[in-house]
């Protein structure tokens, strides 16, 4: 069981790194569109 949990955590960390790297390359307009899309789907909660 611990193997699967470790594997899932590693995969999650890897996906976050890929997404962060991709987001860093976006233009302001692309970031605004992404923000709007994510906020309308409740993926972003600014009260954090």
PDB file of N, CA and C in Angstrom:
ATOM      1  N   UNK A   1       0.827  -1.195   0.000  1.00  0.00           N
ATOM      2  CA  UNK A   1       0.000   0.000   0.000  1.00  0.00           C
ATOM      3  C   UNK A   1       0.871   1.259   0.000  1.00  0.00           C
ATOM      4  N   UNK A   2       1.920   1.269   0.780  1.00  0.00           N
ATOM      5  CA  UNK A   2       2.799   2.440   0.840  1.00  0.00           C
ATOM      6  C   UNK A   2       3.431   2.722  -0.514  1.00  0.00           C
ATOM      7  N   UNK A   3       3.706   1.684  -1.293  1.00  0.00           N
ATOM      8  CA  UNK A   3       4.293   1.859  -2.628  1.00  0.00           C
ATOM      9  C   UNK A   3       3.370   2.697  -3.509  1.00  0.00           C
ATOM     10  N   UNK A   4       2.077   2.369  -3.499  1.00  0.00           N
ATOM     11  CA  UNK A   4       1.128   3.100  -4.338  1.00  0.00           C
ATOM     12  C   UNK A   4       0.988   4.542  -3.875  1.00  0.00           C
ATOM     13  N   UNK A   5       0.977   4.750  -2.574  1.00  0.00           N
ATOM     14  CA  UNK A   5       0.867   6.097  -2.052  1.00  0.00           C
ATOM     15  C   UNK A   5       2.095   6.914  -2.449  1.00  0.00           C
ATOM     16  N   UNK A   6       3.267   6.336  -2.311  1.00  0.00           N
ATOM     17  CA  UNK A   6       4.495   7.034  -2.706  1.00  0.00           C
ATOM     18  C   UNK A   6       4.467   7.333  -4.197  1.00  0.00           C
ATOM     19  N   UNK A   7       4.047   6.382  -4.984  1.00  0.00           N
ATOM     20  CA  UNK A   7       3.976   6.558  -6.421  1.00  0.00           C
ATOM     21  C   UNK A   7       2.990   7.672  -6.788  1.00  0.00           C
ATOM     22  N   UNK A   8       1.850   7.709  -6.118  1.00  0.00           N
ATOM     23  CA  UNK A   8       0.869   8.762  -6.368  1.00  0.00           C
ATOM     24  C   UNK A   8       1.418  10.128  -5.984  1.00  0.00           C
ATOM     25  N   UNK A   9       2.106  10.211  -4.865  1.00  0.00           N
ATOM     26  CA  UNK A   9       2.685  11.480  -4.431  1.00  0.00           C
ATOM     27  C   UNK A   9       3.755  11.948  -5.414  1.00  0.00           C
ATOM     28  N   UNK A  10       4.575  11.019  -5.892  1.00  0.00           N
ATOM     29  CA  UNK A  10       5.607  11.366  -6.866  1.00  0.00           C
ATOM     30  C   UNK A  10       4.964  11.876  -8.154  1.00  0.00           C
ATOM     31  N   UNK A  11       3.938  11.186  -8.622  1.00  0.00           N
ATOM     32  CA  UNK A  11       3.259  11.588  -9.855  1.00  0.00           C
ATOM     33  C   UNK A  11       2.620  12.963  -9.686  1.00  0.00           C
ATOM     34  N   UNK A  12       2.020  13.210  -8.534  1.00  0.00           N
ATOM     35  CA  UNK A  12       1.403  14.504  -8.263  1.00  0.00           C
ATOM     36  C   UNK A  12       2.454  15.609  -8.294  1.00  0.00           C
ATOM     37  N   UNK A  13       3.574  15.386  -7.625  1.00  0.00           N
ATOM     38  CA  UNK A  13       4.663  16.367  -7.620  1.00  0.00           C
ATOM     39  C   UNK A  13       5.188  16.627  -9.023  1.00  0.00           C
ATOM     40  N   UNK A  14       5.312  15.581  -9.800  1.00  0.00           N
ATOM     41  CA  UNK A  14       5.804  15.718 -11.179  1.00  0.00           C
ATOM     42  C   UNK A  14       4.815  16.522 -12.019  1.00  0.00           C
ATOM     43  N   UNK A  15       3.542  16.253 -11.880  1.00  0.00           N
ATOM     44  CA  UNK A  15       2.525  17.006 -12.619  1.00  0.00           C
ATOM     45  C   UNK A  15       2.536  18.477 -12.222  1.00  0.00           C
ATOM     46  N   UNK A  16       2.702  18.756 -10.951  1.00  0.00           N
ATOM     47  CA  UNK A  16       2.774  20.144 -10.494  1.00  0.00           C
ATOM     48  C   UNK A  16       3.972  20.848 -11.113  1.00  0.00           C
ATOM     49  N   UNK A  17       5.114  20.185 -11.162  1.00  0.00           N
ATOM     50  CA  UNK A  17       6.312  20.784 -11.781  1.00  0.00           C
ATOM     51  C   UNK A  17       6.072  21.094 -13.262  1.00  0.00           C
ATOM     52  N   UNK A  18       5.448  20.175 -13.977  1.00  0.00           N
ATOM     53  CA  UNK A  18       5.181  20.385 -15.406  1.00  0.00           C
ATOM     54  C   UNK A  18       4.218  21.553 -15.599  1.00  0.00           C
ATOM     55  N   UNK A  19       3.174  21.589 -14.783  1.00  0.00           N
ATOM     56  CA  UNK A  19       2.196  22.674 -14.892  1.00  0.00           C
ATOM     57  C   UNK A  19       2.837  24.014 -14.547  1.00  0.00           C
ATOM     58  N   UNK A  20       3.623  24.074 -13.480  1.00  0.00           N
ATOM     59  CA  UNK A  20       4.305  25.321 -13.105  1.00  0.00           C
ATOM     60  C   UNK A  20       5.205  25.807 -14.230  1.00  0.00           C
ATOM     61  N   UNK A  21       5.949  24.898 -14.826  1.00  0.00           N
ATOM     62  CA  UNK A  21       6.850  25.265 -15.915  1.00  0.00           C
ATOM     63  C   UNK A  21       6.060  25.822 -17.105  1.00  0.00           C
ATOM     64  N   UNK A  22       4.934  25.214 -17.400  1.00  0.00           N
ATOM     65  CA  UNK A  22       4.104  25.674 -18.520  1.00  0.00           C
ATOM     66  C   UNK A  22       3.473  27.027 -18.228  1.00  0.00           C
ATOM     67  N   UNK A  23       2.993  27.230 -17.010  1.00  0.00           N
ATOM     68  CA  UNK A  23       2.346  28.480 -16.637  1.00  0.00           C
ATOM     69  C   UNK A  23       3.335  29.639 -16.696  1.00  0.00           C
ATOM     70  N   UNK A  24       4.576  29.389 -16.344  1.00  0.00           N
ATOM     71  CA  UNK A  24       5.589  30.446 -16.389  1.00  0.00           C
ATOM     72  C   UNK A  24       5.776  31.021 -17.786  1.00  0.00           C
ATOM     73  N   UNK A  25       5.432  30.263 -18.807  1.00  0.00           N
ATOM     74  CA  UNK A  25       5.632  30.707 -20.184  1.00  0.00           C
ATOM     75  C   UNK A  25       4.416  31.437 -20.775  1.00  0.00           C
ATOM     76  N   UNK A  26       3.301  31.475 -20.047  1.00  0.00           N
ATOM     77  CA  UNK A  26       2.086  32.082 -20.571  1.00  0.00           C
ATOM     78  C   UNK A  26       2.182  33.607 -20.568  1.00  0.00           C
ATOM     79  N   UNK A  27       1.493  34.216 -21.513  1.00  0.00           N
ATOM     80  CA  UNK A  27       1.390  35.676 -21.551  1.00  0.00           C
ATOM     81  C   UNK A  27       0.370  36.122 -20.505  1.00  0.00           C
ATOM     82  N   UNK A  28       0.312  37.418 -20.257  1.00  0.00           N
ATOM     83  CA  UNK A  28      -0.657  37.954 -19.308  1.00  0.00           C
ATOM     84  C   UNK A  28      -2.081  37.604 -19.742  1.00  0.00           C
ATOM     85  N   UNK A  29      -2.367  37.761 -21.008  1.00  0.00           N
ATOM     86  CA  UNK A  29      -3.712  37.456 -21.508  1.00  0.00           C
ATOM     87  C   UNK A  29      -4.049  35.978 -21.326  1.00  0.00           C
ATOM     88  N   UNK A  30      -3.091  35.113 -21.570  1.00  0.00           N
ATOM     89  CA  UNK A  30      -3.315  33.679 -21.381  1.00  0.00           C
ATOM     90  C   UNK A  30      -3.517  33.344 -19.905  1.00  0.00           C
ATOM     91  N   UNK A  31      -2.745  34.000 -19.038  1.00  0.00           N
ATOM     92  CA  UNK A  31      -2.903  33.787 -17.598  1.00  0.00           C
ATOM     93  C   UNK A  31      -4.275  34.262 -17.120  1.00  0.00           C
ATOM     94  N   UNK A  32      -4.714  35.405 -17.634  1.00  0.00           N
ATOM     95  CA  UNK A  32      -6.033  35.909 -17.259  1.00  0.00           C
ATOM     96  C   UNK A  32      -7.129  34.956 -17.715  1.00  0.00           C
ATOM     97  N   UNK A  33      -7.013  34.416 -18.915  1.00  0.00           N
ATOM     98  CA  UNK A  33      -8.004  33.463 -19.415  1.00  0.00           C
ATOM     99  C   UNK A  33      -8.005  32.193 -18.576  1.00  0.00           C
ATOM    100  N   UNK A  34      -6.817  31.715 -18.227  1.00  0.00           N
ATOM    101  CA  UNK A  34      -6.697  30.528 -17.384  1.00  0.00           C
ATOM    102  C   UNK A  34      -7.293  30.789 -16.008  1.00  0.00           C
ATOM    103  N   UNK A  35      -6.997  31.951 -15.442  1.00  0.00           N
ATOM    104  CA  UNK A  35      -7.541  32.322 -14.137  1.00  0.00           C
ATOM    105  C   UNK A  35      -9.063  32.350 -14.183  1.00  0.00           C
ATOM    106  N   UNK A  36      -9.611  32.991 -15.200  1.00  0.00           N
ATOM    107  CA  UNK A  36     -11.064  33.077 -15.330  1.00  0.00           C
ATOM    108  C   UNK A  36     -11.677  31.688 -15.434  1.00  0.00           C
ATOM    109  N   UNK A  37     -11.103  30.849 -16.268  1.00  0.00           N
ATOM    110  CA  UNK A  37     -11.610  29.492 -16.456  1.00  0.00           C
ATOM    111  C   UNK A  37     -11.566  28.705 -15.148  1.00  0.00           C
ATOM    112  N   UNK A  38     -10.438  28.788 -14.459  1.00  0.00           N
ATOM    113  CA  UNK A  38     -10.288  28.037 -13.207  1.00  0.00           C
ATOM    114  C   UNK A  38     -11.197  28.586 -12.104  1.00  0.00           C
ATOM    115  N   UNK A  39     -11.369  29.899 -12.062  1.00  0.00           N
ATOM    116  CA  UNK A  39     -12.219  30.475 -11.010  1.00  0.00           C
ATOM    117  C   UNK A  39     -13.690  30.159 -11.259  1.00  0.00           C
ATOM    118  N   UNK A  40     -14.128  30.125 -12.515  1.00  0.00           N
ATOM    119  CA  UNK A  40     -15.525  29.789 -12.793  1.00  0.00           C
ATOM    120  C   UNK A  40     -15.816  28.316 -12.512  1.00  0.00           C
ATOM    121  N   UNK A  41     -14.788  27.500 -12.524  1.00  0.00           N
ATOM    122  CA  UNK A  41     -14.953  26.074 -12.204  1.00  0.00           C
ATOM    123  C   UNK A  41     -14.647  25.792 -10.734  1.00  0.00           C
ATOM    124  N   UNK A  42     -14.453  26.875  -9.959  1.00  0.00           N
ATOM    125  CA  UNK A  42     -14.167  26.778  -8.524  1.00  0.00           C
ATOM    126  C   UNK A  42     -12.886  26.003  -8.199  1.00  0.00           C
ATOM    127  N   UNK A  43     -11.907  26.049  -9.103  1.00  0.00           N
ATOM    128  CA  UNK A  43     -10.599  25.485  -8.817  1.00  0.00           C
ATOM    129  C   UNK A  43      -9.738  26.459  -8.034  1.00  0.00           C
ATOM    130  N   UNK A  44     -10.133  27.746  -8.084  1.00  0.00           N
ATOM    131  CA  UNK A  44      -9.407  28.800  -7.390  1.00  0.00           C
ATOM    132  C   UNK A  44     -10.332  29.396  -6.337  1.00  0.00           C
ATOM    133  N   UNK A  45      -9.806  29.492  -5.131  1.00  0.00           N
ATOM    134  CA  UNK A  45     -10.542  30.114  -4.040  1.00  0.00           C
ATOM    135  C   UNK A  45      -9.622  31.154  -3.434  1.00  0.00           C
ATOM    136  N   UNK A  46      -9.900  32.415  -3.648  1.00  0.00           N
ATOM    137  CA  UNK A  46      -8.998  33.477  -3.219  1.00  0.00           C
ATOM    138  C   UNK A  46      -9.050  33.750  -1.726  1.00  0.00           C
ATOM    139  N   UNK A  47      -9.905  33.104  -0.992  1.00  0.00           N
ATOM    140  CA  UNK A  47      -9.983  33.354   0.447  1.00  0.00           C
ATOM    141  C   UNK A  47      -8.956  32.533   1.213  1.00  0.00           C
ATOM    142  N   UNK A  48      -8.082  31.788   0.508  1.00  0.00           N
ATOM    143  CA  UNK A  48      -7.071  30.956   1.152  1.00  0.00           C
ATOM    144  C   UNK A  48      -5.994  31.796   1.794  1.00  0.00           C
TER     145      UNK A  48
END
